[in-house]
Amino acid sequence: MTATTAFPDDLLQLQERLHRAHAEHRAYLAVLPWSVEPVAGWTRGERYSHRGDVPDSPGWSNEQKQKVDEMRAEILELSIAVVDHPHWAAVPREEVVAARMQLKRHAASSGDAGAGAA
């Protein structure tokens, strides 16, 4: 597979949407309480002293849980659409991994989707 391989526009759009969905999911999780269920925190030295003091976690609300579930469902749906795209049938089997990585790099470098793997 060459560095100039052209991907179909719809596959590029799917991969970019997947990359963006991953970034949005990570960003949303970052602002949620550290535990899904309410859990008491601890002080440094009590457990895991390398982390310092850990505050109590109120847990996630039902709305937050639902939103996370919806985001995961969207990521799964987009992942399936990318993997099952008809384009991959035309790529020689021994080149699929390299082509998939090229597609991911293209999506990561195209716009404001954020950093990270998709």
Protein backbone atom coordinates (compact mmCIF):
# COMPACT_ATOMS: atom_id res chain seq x y z
CA MET A 1 0.00 0.00 0.00
CA THR A 2 1.43 3.36 -0.94
CA ALA A 3 1.31 6.60 1.02
CA THR A 4 -0.93 8.03 -1.70
CA THR A 5 -3.68 5.43 -1.39
CA ALA A 6 -7.05 7.04 -1.95
CA PHE A 7 -9.86 6.11 0.35
CA PRO A 8 -13.50 6.57 -0.62
CA ASP A 9 -14.98 9.80 0.72
CA ASP A 10 -17.65 7.99 2.73
CA LEU A 11 -15.00 5.85 4.46
CA LEU A 12 -12.93 8.94 5.26
CA GLN A 13 -16.02 10.61 6.71
CA LEU A 14 -16.88 7.54 8.79
CA GLN A 15 -13.34 7.34 10.19
CA GLU A 16 -13.29 11.05 10.99
CA ARG A 17 -16.66 10.74 12.76
CA LEU A 18 -15.32 7.75 14.71
CA HIS A 19 -12.19 9.67 15.69
CA ARG A 20 -14.31 12.64 16.80
CA ALA A 21 -16.70 10.38 18.74
CA HIS A 22 -13.75 8.83 20.62
CA ALA A 23 -12.41 12.29 21.48
CA GLU A 24 -15.82 13.50 22.69
CA HIS A 25 -16.26 10.34 24.78
CA ARG A 26 -12.85 10.76 26.44
CA ALA A 27 -13.54 14.44 27.13
CA TYR A 28 -16.93 13.66 28.67
CA LEU A 29 -15.51 10.90 30.88
CA ALA A 30 -12.80 13.28 32.08
CA VAL A 31 -15.36 15.60 33.72
CA LEU A 32 -17.42 12.87 35.38
CA PRO A 33 -16.87 11.72 38.97
CA TRP A 34 -14.10 9.13 39.23
CA SER A 35 -16.48 6.30 40.15
CA VAL A 36 -19.71 5.29 38.44
CA GLU A 37 -21.25 4.35 41.78
CA PRO A 38 -20.95 6.41 44.98
CA VAL A 39 -17.71 5.47 46.76
CA ALA A 40 -15.95 6.95 49.77
CA GLY A 41 -12.57 8.47 49.08
CA TRP A 42 -9.40 7.93 51.07
CA THR A 43 -6.45 9.86 52.39
CA ARG A 44 -2.85 9.56 51.35
CA GLY A 45 -1.16 6.59 52.96
CA GLU A 46 -4.42 4.73 53.59
CA ARG A 47 -4.45 3.14 50.12
CA TYR A 48 -2.57 3.86 46.91
CA SER A 49 -0.43 6.55 48.51
CA HIS A 50 1.12 7.42 45.15
CA ARG A 51 -2.16 9.10 44.18
CA GLY A 52 -2.46 11.33 47.22
CA ASP A 53 -5.83 12.11 48.74
CA VAL A 54 -8.84 10.93 46.76
CA PRO A 55 -12.16 12.69 47.41
CA ASP A 56 -15.49 10.94 47.79
CA SER A 57 -17.21 10.17 44.51
CA PRO A 58 -20.93 10.91 44.34
CA GLY A 59 -21.22 8.50 41.40
CA TRP A 60 -22.81 9.22 38.07
CA SER A 61 -26.39 10.36 37.62
CA ASN A 62 -28.77 8.26 35.53
CA GLU A 63 -28.52 10.91 32.80
CA GLN A 64 -24.72 10.70 32.80
CA LYS A 65 -24.86 6.89 32.61
CA GLN A 66 -27.32 7.09 29.74
CA LYS A 67 -25.16 9.60 27.85
CA VAL A 68 -22.06 7.39 28.27
CA ASP A 69 -24.05 4.39 27.00
CA GLU A 70 -25.24 6.39 23.99
CA MET A 71 -21.69 7.55 23.23
CA ARG A 72 -20.38 3.98 23.45
CA ALA A 73 -23.17 2.77 21.17
CA GLU A 74 -22.26 5.44 18.61
CA ILE A 75 -18.58 4.44 18.77
CA LEU A 76 -19.53 0.79 18.27
CA GLU A 77 -21.81 1.60 15.33
CA LEU A 78 -19.15 3.73 13.63
CA SER A 79 -16.44 1.12 14.29
CA ILE A 80 -18.54 -1.55 12.64
CA ALA A 81 -19.28 0.72 9.68
CA VAL A 82 -15.56 1.42 9.16
CA VAL A 83 -14.48 -2.22 9.49
CA ASP A 84 -17.29 -3.54 7.29
CA HIS A 85 -16.88 -0.89 4.57
CA PRO A 86 -16.76 -2.44 1.07
CA HIS A 87 -13.43 -0.71 0.38
CA TRP A 88 -11.55 -3.31 2.47
CA ALA A 89 -12.57 -6.12 0.11
CA ALA A 90 -10.42 -4.51 -2.61
CA VAL A 91 -7.34 -4.21 -0.38
CA PRO A 92 -4.98 -7.19 -0.48
CA ARG A 93 -5.17 -9.06 2.82
CA GLU A 94 -1.50 -8.54 3.64
CA GLU A 95 -1.96 -4.76 3.25
CA VAL A 96 -5.13 -4.27 5.29
CA VAL A 97 -3.38 -3.42 8.58
CA ALA A 98 -1.12 -0.82 6.94
CA ALA A 99 -4.09 0.66 5.08
CA ARG A 100 -6.17 0.81 8.26
CA MET A 101 -3.37 2.60 10.10
CA GLN A 102 -3.03 5.04 7.20
CA LEU A 103 -6.77 5.76 7.41
CA LYS A 104 -6.50 6.36 11.16
CA ARG A 105 -3.53 8.72 10.73
CA HIS A 106 -5.44 10.62 8.06
CA ALA A 107 -8.43 11.09 10.37
CA ALA A 108 -6.22 12.13 13.29
CA SER A 109 -4.49 14.78 11.20
CA SER A 110 -7.61 16.18 9.56
CA GLY A 111 -9.16 18.82 11.70
CA ASP A 112 -10.23 19.28 15.27
CA ALA A 113 -10.96 15.67 16.15
CA GLY A 114 -8.36 15.69 18.92
CA ALA A 115 -5.49 13.39 19.66
CA GLY A 116 -5.59 9.66 20.28
CA ALA A 117 -6.32 6.42 18.59
CA ALA A 118 -9.62 5.59 17.00
